Amino acid sequence: MKTSGDLKQFLRSIDGKGYPAYKGAKGEYQFPGYVLSIDHVQGDPFASPSRISIHVQGKKAAFPADTYNLKHKRIALSDELLRRFGKMLEPYSYQAKGSGKSGLITISRPGQEILERTACQVDRFDGSLTFRLEAGFPANGRSIRSEELIKILFDFLPACISKVCFYDAYTKEEKAGITSVIELSEDQEALRCKLSDLGLIAFVANGAILPRQSGISNRPMVKAVPFQSPSSMELEIVLPHRGAIRGMGIPKGVTLIVGGGYHGKSTLLEALEKGVYPHVAGDGREFVITDSSAVKLRAEDGRSVRKVDISGFINHLPNGKDTSRFSTEDASGSTSQAASMVEAMEAGAHVFLIDEDTSATNFMIRDRLMQQVVKPSQEPITPFIESIRGLYETKGISTILVAGSSGAYFHVADHVIQMDSYVPKEITKEAKDAAKSFGEAMQSLEFPPVNLSRIPSRLETGGDGKRSKTKVLGRDSLKLDSETVDLRYVEQIADIEQIAALGYLIQYAGAYLIDGKKTLVQIVDELEKRMELQGLNALGEKGQPPGNLAVPRRQELFAAFNRCRSLRF
């Protein structure tokens, strides 16, 4: 391996030369205490920045083994180190001068959720650290300014590395901060593990801050009303470090969230949606924990559906179309929501999260008058209200439903929570008593068996070991070769880096796994197995992925596959 001195000597030898000469710097260099790897050199100073990685051996990093010996702690430690590294880098970005992106130094910037990312990884065996970042190699026009790059590599980066990557260099307060992060991670994981044993699908701690600052900021709202559980649903859970914590437990079954407009119904549901992820300290939702398989479902007009068995919800269509293997390039609100439910079941969801406002009305409910006017034989849709209990009783799938305009679901609910000025009240008895005066409940049907074993053929560009090209298009879609995969209604994607990873996972499956024999479940299982063994490193060339990927859940992986129109089932 070359030394840092070799790198400095090379850079000085190319000063003033044409920008392509920078490519000769690619490779690994031993610096004091760490290895610097120049993994990719940009084509010119106006192109996407160069990619650099930092590698620190576990013995030198010396973080205590009990901060990374379990997966949830390892992810929490990586997240904290990444945030610290990013904060350290900020003052140095663009301090080296030049044209275009010259002097840019950047690394992934996590949001409120704690996710497994390629930007910072802690080795499970020895605690070795890897950071992946981007830097704009400086130039005047297209002539190399090597002294400016030397500032980045020999002054700016070492200053950050020395303060973040070596535990022995931490102050007492900084070490306490690491301990606090790990303890929070252990408490969150313990609470998540307790849900099933307690017969719960979600828990919202007293004092949680659920509202966010705005539609473009995911930080907690200032002066928001702290959450306080109704006494009838309140329970105490003892956590390893925090000790006893009290809050609202949402039991398995069917739970309604009702109330007037702007009283906090959707705010509670949105917190539960993101409760599938752990959150950083200070977020306000640190102890809002939801069953990790929960899926938010909604109508999605115009989406592609491939051979999904929606016959449990929609049957005997007027055109005679087979709904046991339903396909369309332009689904309606009701067929899209039905397909999404079945796909969520295929992905292993045990909880459905639904907001009446974003659902297809004719899929959710048909009132008595409409049933009298339009006879059952003329209506192909079996409303969700007729199968919601069957889903729970025969398949163990619970539902949390926000209902603002129809009380029909009172009949089939196990629990009813009313939000009143962001304060929850349990009104199950009152709601049930009121419902009785409106007649008998609608018939509750046992949910019929559905086909969950779809076999995909090749991606049009895959199946031959060749990678297709992917590109993230904002926060709601990705481009796979010439196809745009629309993910704007997959509402539990928490970070744009998860979208980037979904693109890599789809192209990886198209190149190596999709063979016309494996089912979609088998393909996703294999992807998860490889990620468990190698992380997202499995997706990069020579085990070196870009530093802008975050691991998506299994449920979002299924959702992305199901919205990929070039994938044939």
Protein backbone atom coordinates (compact mmCIF):
# COMPACT_ATOMS: atom_id res chain seq x y z
CA MET A 1 0.00 0.00 0.00
CA LYS A 2 1.21 3.50 -0.81
CA THR A 3 1.84 6.07 1.89
CA SER A 4 0.41 9.51 2.48
CA GLY A 5 3.81 10.87 1.41
CA ASP A 6 3.44 9.13 -1.94
CA LEU A 7 0.06 10.79 -2.42
CA LYS A 8 1.35 14.26 -1.59
CA GLN A 9 4.29 13.80 -3.94
CA PHE A 10 2.01 12.68 -6.77
CA LEU A 11 -0.40 15.57 -6.28
CA ARG A 12 2.40 18.13 -6.43
CA SER A 13 3.71 16.52 -9.60
CA ILE A 14 0.42 17.12 -11.42
CA ASP A 15 -0.21 20.69 -10.26
CA GLY A 16 -1.40 22.82 -13.19
CA LYS A 17 -1.97 19.83 -15.48
CA GLY A 18 -5.27 18.96 -17.13
CA TYR A 19 -7.99 17.68 -14.81
CA PRO A 20 -7.87 14.03 -16.02
CA ALA A 21 -4.44 13.69 -14.38
CA TYR A 22 -6.24 13.51 -11.03
CA LYS A 23 -7.33 9.98 -11.94
CA GLY A 24 -3.82 8.79 -11.20
CA ALA A 25 -4.51 9.45 -7.51
CA LYS A 26 -7.04 6.65 -7.29
CA GLY A 27 -6.04 4.01 -4.73
CA GLU A 28 -5.37 3.44 -1.03
CA TYR A 29 -2.91 5.40 1.11
CA GLN A 30 -1.72 4.77 4.64
CA PHE A 31 -2.06 7.85 6.85
CA PRO A 32 -1.18 7.94 10.56
CA GLY A 33 -3.94 5.91 12.22
CA TYR A 34 -6.11 5.30 9.17
CA VAL A 35 -6.27 4.44 5.48
CA LEU A 36 -7.51 6.99 2.96
CA SER A 37 -9.01 5.49 -0.19
CA ILE A 38 -9.73 7.56 -3.28
CA ASP A 39 -12.45 5.40 -4.80
CA HIS A 40 -13.65 7.52 -7.71
CA VAL A 41 -12.31 10.68 -9.33
CA GLN A 42 -14.76 13.03 -11.00
CA GLY A 43 -14.36 13.73 -14.72
CA ASP A 44 -14.10 17.50 -14.35
CA PRO A 45 -14.60 20.09 -11.60
CA PHE A 46 -18.24 20.60 -12.59
CA ALA A 47 -19.17 16.89 -12.47
CA SER A 48 -20.42 14.92 -9.47
CA PRO A 49 -17.77 15.09 -6.71
CA SER A 50 -15.07 12.49 -6.22
CA ARG A 51 -15.69 9.68 -3.72
CA ILE A 52 -13.37 9.12 -0.78
CA SER A 53 -13.48 6.60 2.04
CA ILE A 54 -11.75 6.51 5.42
CA HIS A 55 -10.91 3.18 7.10
CA VAL A 56 -9.89 2.90 10.76
CA GLN A 57 -8.96 -0.45 12.27
CA GLY A 58 -10.98 -1.53 15.28
CA LYS A 59 -7.98 -1.62 17.61
CA LYS A 60 -7.17 1.98 16.78
CA ALA A 61 -10.76 3.21 16.87
CA ALA A 62 -11.10 1.41 20.23
CA PHE A 63 -14.81 1.90 20.77
CA PRO A 64 -16.06 -0.42 23.54
CA ALA A 65 -17.33 -3.75 22.21
CA ASP A 66 -20.64 -3.30 23.96
CA THR A 67 -21.37 -0.29 21.73
CA TYR A 68 -21.47 -2.42 18.56
CA ASN A 69 -21.95 -6.08 19.59
CA LEU A 70 -25.64 -6.08 18.59
CA LYS A 71 -27.12 -4.81 15.33
CA HIS A 72 -29.36 -2.09 16.81
CA LYS A 73 -26.44 -0.72 18.85
CA ARG A 74 -24.11 -0.87 15.86
CA ILE A 75 -26.57 1.13 13.75
CA ALA A 76 -27.04 3.67 16.55
CA LEU A 77 -23.28 4.09 16.98
CA SER A 78 -22.77 4.48 13.22
CA ASP A 79 -25.53 7.08 13.11
CA GLU A 80 -24.03 9.08 15.96
CA LEU A 81 -20.51 9.00 14.52
CA LEU A 82 -21.87 10.06 11.14
CA ARG A 83 -23.66 13.05 12.68
CA ARG A 84 -20.49 14.04 14.52
CA PHE A 85 -18.35 13.68 11.42
CA GLY A 86 -20.78 15.73 9.35
CA LYS A 87 -20.84 18.49 11.92
CA MET A 88 -17.04 18.57 11.97
CA LEU A 89 -16.86 18.77 8.16
CA GLU A 90 -19.24 21.71 7.76
CA PRO A 91 -16.75 24.54 8.44
CA TYR A 92 -14.27 23.11 5.93
CA SER A 93 -16.54 22.79 2.89
CA TYR A 94 -15.46 25.15 0.08
CA GLN A 95 -12.50 26.42 2.13
CA ALA A 96 -10.29 25.00 -0.60
CA LYS A 97 -10.86 27.23 -3.62
CA GLY A 98 -11.44 26.63 -7.30
CA SER A 99 -13.98 26.26 -10.10
CA GLY A 100 -17.27 24.38 -10.03
CA LYS A 101 -17.49 21.94 -7.10
CA SER A 102 -13.88 22.57 -6.09
CA GLY A 103 -13.49 22.46 -2.33
CA LEU A 104 -16.83 20.82 -1.61
CA ILE A 105 -16.61 18.31 1.25
CA THR A 106 -19.81 16.53 2.16
CA ILE A 107 -21.14 13.41 3.83
CA SER A 108 -24.62 11.99 4.36
CA ARG A 109 -26.83 14.11 6.63
CA PRO A 110 -29.25 11.91 8.59
CA GLY A 111 -32.73 13.09 9.51
CA GLN A 112 -34.73 12.27 12.62
CA GLU A 113 -34.77 8.52 11.97
CA ILE A 114 -31.82 6.26 12.79
CA LEU A 115 -31.07 4.18 9.69
CA GLU A 116 -28.35 1.80 8.60
CA ARG A 117 -26.30 3.74 6.04
CA THR A 118 -23.25 3.22 3.85
CA ALA A 119 -21.86 6.65 4.82
CA CYS A 120 -20.67 5.26 8.15
CA GLN A 121 -20.31 1.59 9.01
CA VAL A 122 -19.02 -0.14 12.13
CA ASP A 123 -17.73 -3.67 11.62
CA ARG A 124 -19.70 -6.20 13.64
CA PHE A 125 -16.63 -8.24 14.56
CA ASP A 126 -13.91 -5.81 15.60
CA GLY A 127 -15.46 -2.33 15.51
CA SER A 128 -13.47 -1.10 12.51
CA LEU A 129 -14.86 2.13 11.07
CA THR A 130 -15.57 3.12 7.46
CA PHE A 131 -16.69 6.61 6.43
CA ARG A 132 -17.67 7.41 2.84
CA LEU A 133 -17.79 11.02 1.71
CA GLU A 134 -17.56 13.20 -1.37
CA ALA A 135 -15.05 15.92 -2.18
CA GLY A 136 -14.72 18.31 -5.11
CA PHE A 137 -11.13 18.05 -6.31
CA PRO A 138 -10.00 21.69 -6.86
CA ALA A 139 -9.12 23.24 -10.20
CA ASN A 140 -8.77 26.57 -11.96
CA GLY A 141 -11.03 26.07 -14.93
CA ARG A 142 -9.93 22.56 -15.81
CA SER A 143 -6.37 22.89 -14.57
CA ILE A 144 -5.47 21.06 -11.37
CA ARG A 145 -4.90 23.02 -8.13
CA SER A 146 -3.17 20.29 -6.17
CA GLU A 147 -2.18 22.47 -3.20
CA GLU A 148 -5.89 23.07 -2.53
CA LEU A 149 -6.57 19.32 -2.58
CA ILE A 150 -3.62 18.81 -0.23
CA LYS A 151 -5.38 21.15 2.21
CA ILE A 152 -8.47 18.91 2.08
CA LEU A 153 -6.67 15.59 2.41
CA PHE A 154 -3.85 16.57 4.76
CA ASP A 155 -5.35 19.31 6.91
CA PHE A 156 -9.14 19.36 6.90
CA LEU A 157 -9.91 15.61 6.91
CA PRO A 158 -7.28 14.65 9.52
CA ALA A 159 -8.69 17.32 11.85
CA CYS A 160 -12.15 15.72 11.61
CA ILE A 161 -10.89 12.15 11.81
CA SER A 162 -8.83 12.79 14.93
CA LYS A 163 -11.85 14.12 16.83
CA VAL A 164 -14.42 11.53 15.72
CA CYS A 165 -12.78 8.21 14.91
CA PHE A 166 -10.68 7.48 18.00
CA TYR A 167 -12.57 6.78 21.22
CA ASP A 168 -9.53 7.36 23.40
CA ALA A 169 -9.42 10.98 22.20
CA TYR A 170 -12.96 11.64 23.45
CA THR A 171 -13.51 13.78 26.51
CA LYS A 172 -15.44 12.39 29.46
CA GLU A 173 -18.54 14.27 28.29
CA GLU A 174 -18.20 12.97 24.73
CA LYS A 175 -17.90 9.39 25.98
CA ALA A 176 -21.02 9.94 28.09
CA GLY A 177 -22.77 11.10 24.91
CA ILE A 178 -21.89 7.82 23.18
CA THR A 179 -23.16 5.87 26.20
CA SER A 180 -26.42 7.82 26.11
CA VAL A 181 -26.92 6.98 22.42
CA ILE A 182 -26.36 3.28 23.02
CA GLU A 183 -28.64 3.21 26.07
CA LEU A 184 -31.44 4.90 24.11
CA SER A 185 -30.97 2.30 21.37
CA GLU A 186 -31.23 -0.53 23.90
CA ASP A 187 -34.38 0.97 25.45
CA GLN A 188 -36.03 1.42 22.05
CA GLU A 189 -35.21 -2.13 21.02
CA ALA A 190 -36.43 -3.51 24.36
CA LEU A 191 -39.72 -1.66 23.99
CA ARG A 192 -40.18 -2.91 20.43
CA CYS A 193 -39.52 -6.48 21.55
CA LYS A 194 -42.09 -6.17 24.34
CA LEU A 195 -44.96 -5.14 22.05
CA SER A 196 -45.99 -8.62 20.94
CA ASP A 197 -45.64 -10.14 24.42
CA LEU A 198 -47.99 -7.45 25.74
CA GLY A 199 -50.50 -8.01 22.93
CA LEU A 200 -49.74 -4.58 21.46
CA ILE A 201 -49.08 -3.26 17.97
CA ALA A 202 -47.91 0.19 19.08
CA PHE A 203 -46.95 2.27 22.10
CA VAL A 204 -46.94 6.06 22.48
CA ALA A 205 -45.14 7.37 25.56
CA ASN A 206 -46.59 10.07 27.75
CA GLY A 207 -44.83 13.35 27.04
CA ALA A 208 -44.09 12.47 23.41
CA ILE A 209 -44.16 15.41 20.98
CA LEU A 210 -45.98 14.24 17.86
CA PRO A 211 -46.55 17.38 15.74
CA ARG A 212 -43.75 18.45 13.40
CA GLN A 213 -42.58 21.98 12.69
CA SER A 214 -43.98 22.04 9.16
CA GLY A 215 -44.50 20.04 6.01
CA ILE A 216 -40.86 20.59 5.08
CA SER A 217 -39.34 20.14 8.54
CA ASN A 218 -39.46 16.88 10.45
CA ARG A 219 -38.25 18.43 13.69
CA PRO A 220 -40.60 18.62 16.69
CA MET A 221 -43.01 21.54 16.84
CA VAL A 222 -42.22 24.14 19.47
CA LYS A 223 -44.90 24.52 22.17
CA ALA A 224 -46.77 21.45 20.93
CA VAL A 225 -49.19 19.66 23.28
CA PRO A 226 -47.32 16.72 24.88
CA PHE A 227 -49.03 13.37 24.44
CA GLN A 228 -50.94 11.99 27.42
CA SER A 229 -52.50 8.54 27.31
CA PRO A 230 -56.12 7.97 28.23
CA SER A 231 -56.11 6.31 31.64
CA SER A 232 -58.02 3.30 30.29
CA MET A 233 -55.27 2.54 27.75
CA GLU A 234 -52.30 3.58 29.85
CA LEU A 235 -49.73 1.01 30.91
CA GLU A 236 -46.25 0.95 32.38
CA ILE A 237 -43.26 -0.70 30.75
CA VAL A 238 -39.88 -1.05 32.44
CA LEU A 239 -36.90 -0.41 30.18
CA PRO A 240 -33.26 -1.42 30.83
CA HIS A 241 -31.91 2.11 31.30
CA ARG A 242 -34.77 4.58 31.44
CA GLY A 243 -36.67 2.43 33.92
CA ALA A 244 -40.46 2.67 34.15
CA ILE A 245 -42.13 4.47 31.27
CA ARG A 246 -45.88 5.08 30.93
CA GLY A 247 -47.93 5.63 27.82
CA MET A 248 -50.74 4.44 25.58
CA GLY A 249 -50.62 0.87 24.38
CA ILE A 250 -52.61 0.12 21.22
CA PRO A 251 -53.72 -3.52 21.37
CA LYS A 252 -53.91 -5.93 18.47
CA GLY A 253 -57.22 -5.84 16.64
CA VAL A 254 -59.13 -2.95 15.07
CA THR A 255 -58.52 0.56 16.43
CA LEU A 256 -60.23 3.72 15.20
CA ILE A 257 -58.82 7.22 15.61
CA VAL A 258 -61.62 9.77 15.34
CA GLY A 259 -62.22 13.45 16.09
CA GLY A 260 -62.84 16.80 14.46
CA GLY A 261 -60.65 18.32 11.78
CA TYR A 262 -57.28 19.69 12.93
CA HIS A 263 -57.51 17.93 16.30
CA GLY A 264 -54.54 15.58 15.72
CA LYS A 265 -55.92 12.39 14.14
CA SER A 266 -53.52 12.32 11.20
CA THR A 267 -50.68 13.60 13.39
CA LEU A 268 -51.03 10.53 15.61
CA LEU A 269 -51.22 8.21 12.60
CA GLU A 270 -48.15 9.82 11.01
CA ALA A 271 -46.20 9.30 14.24
CA LEU A 272 -47.24 5.64 14.22
CA GLU A 273 -46.18 5.33 10.56
CA LYS A 274 -42.66 6.48 11.41
CA GLY A 275 -42.69 4.48 14.66
CA VAL A 276 -41.34 1.55 12.64
CA TYR A 277 -37.95 3.33 12.89
CA PRO A 278 -35.98 4.40 15.98
CA HIS A 279 -35.61 8.16 16.42
CA VAL A 280 -32.79 10.31 17.76
CA ALA A 281 -32.87 11.87 21.21
CA GLY A 282 -34.78 15.15 21.20
CA ASP A 283 -37.04 14.15 18.32
CA GLY A 284 -40.06 13.86 20.62
CA ARG A 285 -41.01 10.44 19.21
CA GLU A 286 -38.16 8.44 20.77
CA PHE A 287 -40.68 6.16 22.45
CA VAL A 288 -43.35 6.06 19.77
CA ILE A 289 -42.83 2.45 18.75
CA THR A 290 -44.90 0.58 16.16
CA ASP A 291 -44.80 -3.04 15.03
CA SER A 292 -41.88 -3.03 12.59
CA SER A 293 -43.95 -4.67 9.82
CA ALA A 294 -46.72 -2.02 9.83
CA VAL A 295 -47.63 -0.63 6.41
CA LYS A 296 -49.41 2.63 5.58
CA LEU A 297 -51.96 1.98 2.83
CA ARG A 298 -53.83 4.37 0.58
CA ALA A 299 -55.48 4.73 -2.81
CA GLU A 300 -52.99 5.22 -5.60
CA ASP A 301 -54.76 6.03 -8.85
CA GLY A 302 -52.77 5.22 -11.96
CA ARG A 303 -50.27 2.77 -10.47
CA SER A 304 -49.24 -0.43 -12.16
CA VAL A 305 -50.52 -3.75 -10.74
CA ARG A 306 -49.18 -7.16 -11.81
CA LYS A 307 -51.09 -10.41 -11.27
CA VAL A 308 -52.28 -9.64 -7.74
CA ASP A 309 -55.12 -11.66 -6.21
CA ILE A 310 -57.58 -8.93 -5.18
CA SER A 311 -60.60 -11.25 -5.31
CA GLY A 312 -61.08 -10.90 -1.55
CA PHE A 313 -62.01 -7.27 -2.15
CA ILE A 314 -63.08 -7.01 -5.80
CA ASN A 315 -64.81 -9.65 -7.91
CA HIS A 316 -67.08 -10.29 -10.92
CA LEU A 317 -66.05 -7.16 -12.81
CA PRO A 318 -68.43 -6.23 -15.67
CA ASN A 319 -65.76 -6.94 -18.31
CA GLY A 320 -65.15 -10.40 -16.84
CA LYS A 321 -61.57 -9.54 -15.90
CA ASP A 322 -59.92 -12.08 -13.61
CA THR A 323 -59.36 -10.50 -10.20
CA SER A 324 -57.53 -13.53 -8.83
CA ARG A 325 -54.62 -12.54 -11.10
CA PHE A 326 -55.41 -8.87 -11.59
CA SER A 327 -53.19 -6.72 -13.79
CA THR A 328 -53.49 -3.17 -15.04
CA GLU A 329 -51.26 -0.30 -16.08
CA ASP A 330 -53.69 2.28 -14.69
CA ALA A 331 -55.35 1.14 -11.47
CA SER A 332 -58.35 2.96 -10.04
CA GLY A 333 -58.45 4.14 -6.44
CA SER A 334 -60.24 1.02 -5.23
CA THR A 335 -58.22 -1.53 -7.21
CA SER A 336 -54.94 0.15 -6.27
CA GLN A 337 -55.82 0.09 -2.58
CA ALA A 338 -56.93 -3.52 -2.77
CA ALA A 339 -53.70 -4.48 -4.55
CA SER A 340 -51.59 -2.61 -2.03
CA MET A 341 -53.26 -4.50 0.82
CA VAL A 342 -52.55 -7.87 -0.73
CA GLU A 343 -48.99 -6.85 -1.57
CA ALA A 344 -48.50 -5.73 2.04
CA MET A 345 -49.67 -9.15 3.20
CA GLU A 346 -47.14 -10.71 0.83
CA ALA A 347 -44.46 -8.49 2.40
CA GLY A 348 -45.33 -9.84 5.85
CA ALA A 349 -47.28 -6.92 7.30
CA HIS A 350 -49.09 -7.59 10.58
CA VAL A 351 -50.54 -4.08 10.85
CA PHE A 352 -52.37 -1.87 8.35
CA LEU A 353 -52.33 1.90 8.90
CA ILE A 354 -55.09 3.69 6.98
CA ASP A 355 -56.35 7.26 6.77
CA GLU A 356 -59.87 7.68 5.46
CA ASP A 357 -58.84 10.94 3.75
CA THR A 358 -56.37 9.18 1.43
CA SER A 359 -58.51 6.10 0.79
CA ALA A 360 -60.94 5.28 -2.00
CA THR A 361 -64.39 5.92 -0.54
CA ASN A 362 -66.07 3.09 -2.46
CA PHE A 363 -63.37 0.70 -1.23
CA MET A 364 -63.86 1.61 2.41
CA ILE A 365 -67.66 1.77 2.87
CA ARG A 366 -71.11 1.51 1.23
CA ASP A 367 -73.94 2.90 3.30
CA ARG A 368 -77.38 1.26 3.65
CA LEU A 369 -79.09 3.56 1.20
CA MET A 370 -76.52 2.87 -1.51
CA GLN A 371 -76.87 -0.86 -0.89
CA GLN A 372 -80.60 -0.58 -1.46
CA VAL A 373 -80.23 1.39 -4.68
CA VAL A 374 -77.24 -0.53 -6.13
CA LYS A 375 -77.81 -4.23 -5.52
CA PRO A 376 -74.91 -6.44 -4.33
CA SER A 377 -75.00 -8.32 -7.63
CA GLN A 378 -74.26 -5.03 -9.40
CA GLU A 379 -71.34 -4.01 -7.14
CA PRO A 380 -68.01 -5.81 -7.62
CA ILE A 381 -66.37 -4.17 -4.60
CA THR A 382 -66.61 -5.78 -1.17
CA PRO A 383 -66.02 -2.80 1.15
CA PHE A 384 -63.09 -3.06 3.53
CA ILE A 385 -65.47 -2.76 6.47
CA GLU A 386 -66.74 -6.25 5.67
CA SER A 387 -63.30 -7.87 5.76
CA ILE A 388 -61.45 -5.84 8.38
CA ARG A 389 -62.36 -8.22 11.20
CA GLY A 390 -61.80 -11.28 9.06
CA LEU A 391 -58.28 -10.06 8.32
CA TYR A 392 -57.58 -9.92 12.04
CA GLU A 393 -59.40 -13.07 13.14
CA THR A 394 -58.15 -15.36 10.38
CA LYS A 395 -54.81 -13.80 9.42
CA GLY A 396 -53.79 -11.87 12.52
CA ILE A 397 -53.58 -8.54 10.67
CA SER A 398 -54.54 -5.58 12.86
CA THR A 399 -55.74 -2.22 11.54
CA ILE A 400 -55.40 1.32 12.84
CA LEU A 401 -57.83 3.52 10.92
CA VAL A 402 -58.33 7.29 11.00
CA ALA A 403 -62.03 7.97 10.42
CA GLY A 404 -63.32 11.51 10.24
CA SER A 405 -66.61 11.36 8.35
CA SER A 406 -68.14 7.89 8.73
CA GLY A 407 -69.10 6.14 11.95
CA ALA A 408 -69.76 2.83 10.22
CA TYR A 409 -66.53 1.34 11.56
CA PHE A 410 -67.67 1.80 15.17
CA HIS A 411 -69.49 -1.52 14.82
CA VAL A 412 -66.33 -3.50 14.06
CA ALA A 413 -63.78 -1.63 16.19
CA ASP A 414 -62.18 -3.04 19.31
CA HIS A 415 -61.02 0.39 20.48
CA VAL A 416 -62.01 3.94 19.55
CA ILE A 417 -59.69 6.85 20.34
CA GLN A 418 -60.97 10.40 19.97
CA MET A 419 -58.43 13.18 19.45
CA ASP A 420 -59.60 16.40 21.06
CA SER A 421 -57.16 19.33 20.66
CA TYR A 422 -54.30 16.77 20.38
CA VAL A 423 -55.42 15.03 23.58
CA PRO A 424 -56.53 11.37 23.12
CA LYS A 425 -59.62 10.03 24.87
CA GLU A 426 -60.89 6.49 24.73
CA ILE A 427 -64.58 6.54 23.75
CA THR A 428 -65.10 2.90 22.80
CA LYS A 429 -68.22 2.40 24.94
CA GLU A 430 -69.79 5.68 23.88
CA ALA A 431 -69.12 4.96 20.21
CA LYS A 432 -70.51 1.42 20.47
CA ASP A 433 -73.63 2.64 22.28
CA ALA A 434 -74.22 5.33 19.65
CA ALA A 435 -73.70 2.81 16.86
CA LYS A 436 -76.43 0.55 18.24
CA SER A 437 -79.06 3.22 17.60
CA PHE A 438 -78.17 3.13 13.92
CA GLY A 439 -79.00 -0.53 13.46
CA GLU A 440 -77.00 -3.74 13.16
CA ALA A 441 -73.44 -3.83 12.03
CA MET A 442 -72.61 -4.69 8.44
CA GLN A 443 -71.79 -8.31 7.81
CA SER A 444 -68.18 -9.13 8.69
CA LEU A 445 -66.73 -11.64 6.27
CA GLU A 446 -63.91 -14.06 6.81
CA PHE A 447 -61.10 -12.94 4.57
CA PRO A 448 -60.65 -15.58 1.85
CA PRO A 449 -57.34 -17.19 0.90
CA VAL A 450 -55.28 -15.21 -1.59
CA ASN A 451 -52.43 -16.14 -3.87
CA LEU A 452 -49.20 -14.64 -2.53
CA SER A 453 -46.72 -16.53 -4.70
CA ARG A 454 -46.06 -14.41 -7.75
CA ILE A 455 -43.12 -15.39 -9.93
CA PRO A 456 -41.39 -12.49 -11.68
CA SER A 457 -39.69 -12.95 -15.01
CA ARG A 458 -36.61 -11.00 -15.92
CA LEU A 459 -36.34 -7.27 -15.82
CA GLU A 460 -36.09 -6.11 -19.39
CA THR A 461 -32.49 -5.06 -18.72
CA GLY A 462 -31.54 -7.79 -16.29
CA GLY A 463 -31.08 -11.52 -15.88
CA ASP A 464 -27.69 -11.50 -17.54
CA GLY A 465 -25.36 -10.23 -14.84
CA LYS A 466 -25.42 -6.69 -16.28
CA ARG A 467 -26.40 -3.72 -14.14
CA SER A 468 -29.05 -1.28 -15.25
CA LYS A 469 -28.62 2.43 -14.56
CA THR A 470 -30.43 4.03 -11.63
CA LYS A 471 -30.98 7.65 -10.68
CA VAL A 472 -32.90 9.16 -7.79
CA LEU A 473 -35.46 11.75 -8.90
CA GLY A 474 -36.10 13.91 -5.85
CA ARG A 475 -37.75 12.44 -2.77
CA ASP A 476 -40.47 10.44 -4.47
CA SER A 477 -39.20 8.41 -7.41
CA LEU A 478 -36.23 6.77 -9.07
CA LYS A 479 -35.25 6.17 -12.65
CA LEU A 480 -34.34 2.65 -13.67
CA ASP A 481 -32.84 2.92 -17.17
CA SER A 482 -35.67 4.64 -19.09
CA GLU A 483 -38.42 3.83 -16.57
CA THR A 484 -39.52 6.10 -13.73
CA VAL A 485 -40.63 4.16 -10.64
CA ASP A 486 -43.15 6.32 -8.75
CA LEU A 487 -42.73 6.00 -4.98
CA ARG A 488 -44.49 9.17 -3.82
CA TYR A 489 -47.30 7.23 -2.14
CA VAL A 490 -44.99 4.80 -0.35
CA GLU A 491 -45.26 7.03 2.68
CA GLN A 492 -42.97 5.21 5.11
CA ILE A 493 -39.84 5.85 3.10
CA ALA A 494 -38.03 8.07 5.58
CA ASP A 495 -34.99 9.20 3.59
CA ILE A 496 -33.98 9.84 0.00
CA GLU A 497 -31.04 7.48 0.56
CA GLN A 498 -33.51 4.62 0.98
CA ILE A 499 -34.81 5.39 -2.51
CA ALA A 500 -31.25 5.26 -3.84
CA ALA A 501 -30.77 1.87 -2.17
CA LEU A 502 -34.06 0.59 -3.62
CA GLY A 503 -32.74 1.39 -7.09
CA TYR A 504 -29.55 -0.56 -6.43
CA LEU A 505 -31.49 -3.49 -4.96
CA ILE A 506 -33.84 -3.71 -7.95
CA GLN A 507 -31.00 -3.61 -10.45
CA TYR A 508 -29.02 -6.16 -8.41
CA ALA A 509 -32.01 -8.51 -8.40
CA GLY A 510 -32.51 -7.98 -12.12
CA ALA A 511 -28.90 -8.85 -12.82
CA TYR A 512 -28.43 -11.81 -10.46
CA LEU A 513 -31.65 -13.13 -8.92
CA ILE A 514 -34.66 -12.77 -11.21
CA ASP A 515 -34.76 -15.90 -13.33
CA GLY A 516 -38.43 -16.65 -13.94
CA LYS A 517 -38.35 -19.38 -11.28
CA LYS A 518 -38.04 -17.60 -7.95
CA THR A 519 -41.10 -15.98 -6.43
CA LEU A 520 -40.96 -12.35 -5.41
CA VAL A 521 -40.88 -13.45 -1.76
CA GLN A 522 -37.87 -15.65 -2.46
CA ILE A 523 -36.08 -12.82 -4.25
CA VAL A 524 -36.65 -10.36 -1.41
CA ASP A 525 -35.64 -13.03 1.12
CA GLU A 526 -32.38 -13.52 -0.76
CA LEU A 527 -31.72 -9.78 -0.92
CA GLU A 528 -32.31 -9.47 2.82
CA LYS A 529 -30.04 -12.44 3.48
CA ARG A 530 -27.22 -10.88 1.48
CA MET A 531 -27.71 -7.51 3.18
CA GLU A 532 -27.65 -9.20 6.57
CA LEU A 533 -24.32 -10.81 5.74
CA GLN A 534 -22.65 -7.95 3.87
CA GLY A 535 -24.88 -4.93 4.38
CA LEU A 536 -25.31 -2.70 1.36
CA ASN A 537 -21.67 -3.42 0.49
CA ALA A 538 -23.01 -6.32 -1.53
CA LEU A 539 -24.45 -3.83 -4.01
CA GLY A 540 -21.26 -1.94 -4.80
CA GLU A 541 -18.57 -2.83 -7.26
CA LYS A 542 -15.80 -4.72 -5.43
CA GLY A 543 -17.80 -4.34 -2.23
CA GLN A 544 -17.50 -0.54 -2.30
CA PRO A 545 -20.99 1.01 -2.49
CA PRO A 546 -21.51 4.77 -2.79
CA GLY A 547 -21.87 6.64 0.47
CA ASN A 548 -25.45 7.74 -0.11
CA LEU A 549 -27.45 4.57 0.57
CA ALA A 550 -29.71 3.73 3.53
CA VAL A 551 -31.26 0.32 4.13
CA PRO A 552 -35.01 0.22 3.35
CA ARG A 553 -37.46 -2.03 5.14
CA ARG A 554 -38.66 -5.25 3.58
CA GLN A 555 -42.07 -3.65 3.07
CA GLU A 556 -40.69 -0.75 1.01
CA LEU A 557 -38.59 -3.17 -1.01
CA PHE A 558 -41.75 -5.06 -1.99
CA ALA A 559 -43.48 -1.75 -2.74
CA ALA A 560 -40.69 -0.69 -5.11
CA PHE A 561 -40.70 -4.02 -6.96
CA ASN A 562 -44.48 -3.85 -7.28
CA ARG A 563 -44.33 -0.38 -8.84
CA CYS A 564 -41.65 -1.27 -11.35
CA ARG A 565 -43.54 -1.54 -14.64
CA SER A 566 -40.68 -3.24 -16.50
CA LEU A 567 -40.79 -6.13 -14.02
CA ARG A 568 -43.09 -8.80 -15.39
CA PHE A 569 -44.97 -11.31 -13.23
